[in-house]
Amino acid sequence: MSTTGTAALPSSLATLLSKYGNTTTNSTTDTSSHSAPKPTGGRLGADPAFTLSLSSQDTSAALVGYNRLAQLGDKFETEVSKLETPTNSQANTVSVTVTQLAQAQSIATSPIGNPDKASLGTGTLTIQTGTLNPDTNAFTASSSAKAVSIPITGGTLNDIATSINAAKAGVTAQVVEEGGGYALHLTGAATGASNAFTISGLSDLTYDPSAANSSAMGTVSAAQDAHFSVGGKDYSSATNDNVPVAIGTRTSFTQVGTQTVALSTASDQVQSLANTFNAMQKAIVSLTSKDGGLDKDANLAAGLFKNLGDAATATVDTAGPFKSLADIGVTLQSDGTLKIDPTKLDAAITQDSDGVQALVNQIASTIDDTVKPYTGSSGSLKSQVNLLSTMVARGGPSLLDYLNGTADTQSGQNSLASLLGGNSATSGTAAQSNLASYLSSGKATNPDLSALFT
């Protein structure tokens, strides 16, 4: 993990990462399977001097902090291990509410007589495509498509329709029998507000979507986008077909109303990995901040923070095209958390969903291998808790028992209050509750889809 940009981290953590962050040993990548950086190296995460030099009050605070971190580490390992194999569970779903369907602009003349005899005149017909703003009703000509001038030498409906279709101006012409006569219908080649058009040049064939009521031709349907919402956020799409409603998940709209769409399992797994990883990194940042308990003894926590970052950015061997999280748009930020680029991840899932899933499994396994030396009854976090507990042990139930919620005597509460400067509120139950909130707070909804529509 790069130690640049450490200004985003608490000073206790940033100082250690800047000073010792590049001394981690055995962190070279082995692409034969997956590689896990070893938990310690140099002084980062392995120097007992940090603990042994603490004051009595700082030792007590560090005990509380490392006990919390040990509990969270165990929970983190359990959660990340679930991501080491492809999910066999039923895919999650997302509710999509469609309030408006996309449609193409369509206009028509009034019915007239014989389409091969009745004439609407000759001259030059000009068609300009552009965008109709649904809020202001203003039409803006397209900057990429110039106006198309179409010579009209035969003024009958059929002659005009033939000339328009031959010009390939982004508009399709059709003569339709209706109302006891024949009408010329002009329809945009594609749906969406950006596919509106104006027509001018012949007095009976004029239309401006921003002034439809004063145009010679009548409106059959206006150019408009589909409007829909996902997770309380509103979106629009120029088409009703293959519309992104989550990263790696698409559906088609056929009517207004609410529909339930199965999410891509690969996308769900990437999001779960990022949420779980970020919860752990944020917890370390919180605990090493002022009043977090570990600001005076952040060494072991800093080692875990860096090694998790190294694991998340590792290159692994997979059968698919993706070898690192960066390949699918998931990158490590300066605060140690993972950020998802929805556009790049969506493209990766579209390219090879199984390849994305295989990458998540391998990276999760790498992260799991990295955190294992820290967790469990023999892990370095529990060893640190035991060391600190020994240093501050007093009469009555041990402080460790109190933190784990097993002490029930008044003497134990008084002992804890003494060690923590009169604050006995940080019990084992409270610590467990706080730790649970770290992970639950990471259960974010799908990232904003706006980038997929640009």
Foldseek 3Di string as FASTA:
>chain_A
DDLPLLVLFAPLLNVCCVVCVPFQPPLDADQPFGAFGALDGDQFQPPCVLQVPDDLLLLLLLLLLLVLLQVLLVVLLVLLLVLLDQDPDFFDKWKKFWDFAWFWWKWKADFDADQQPDFLDWDKKKKFFFAQDPVLRDTDTDPVADIFIFGQPTGGLVSVQVRVVVSPRQKHWDWDDDDPGIMIMIIGNFAARGGHMFMDDGQCRTADSSPQVPHNIHTPDHRHWIWMDIPRDIDTARHQQQDDPFQQFGDGDDDGGMDMGGDQSLRVSVLSVQLSQQLSLVSLSQLCHVVNSCVSPSRNSSSLLSSLLSLQQHFYHDPDDDGHPVQQAWDADSSSGIDHDSVSNSVVCVVPVVRSSNNSSSSSVNSSVHSVCQHDCNHPSVVSSVVSQVVLADDDDGLSCFLLPNGDDPVSQVSSCVSNVRDSPNGNVNSVVVSVCSSVVSPDDGPDCHVVRD
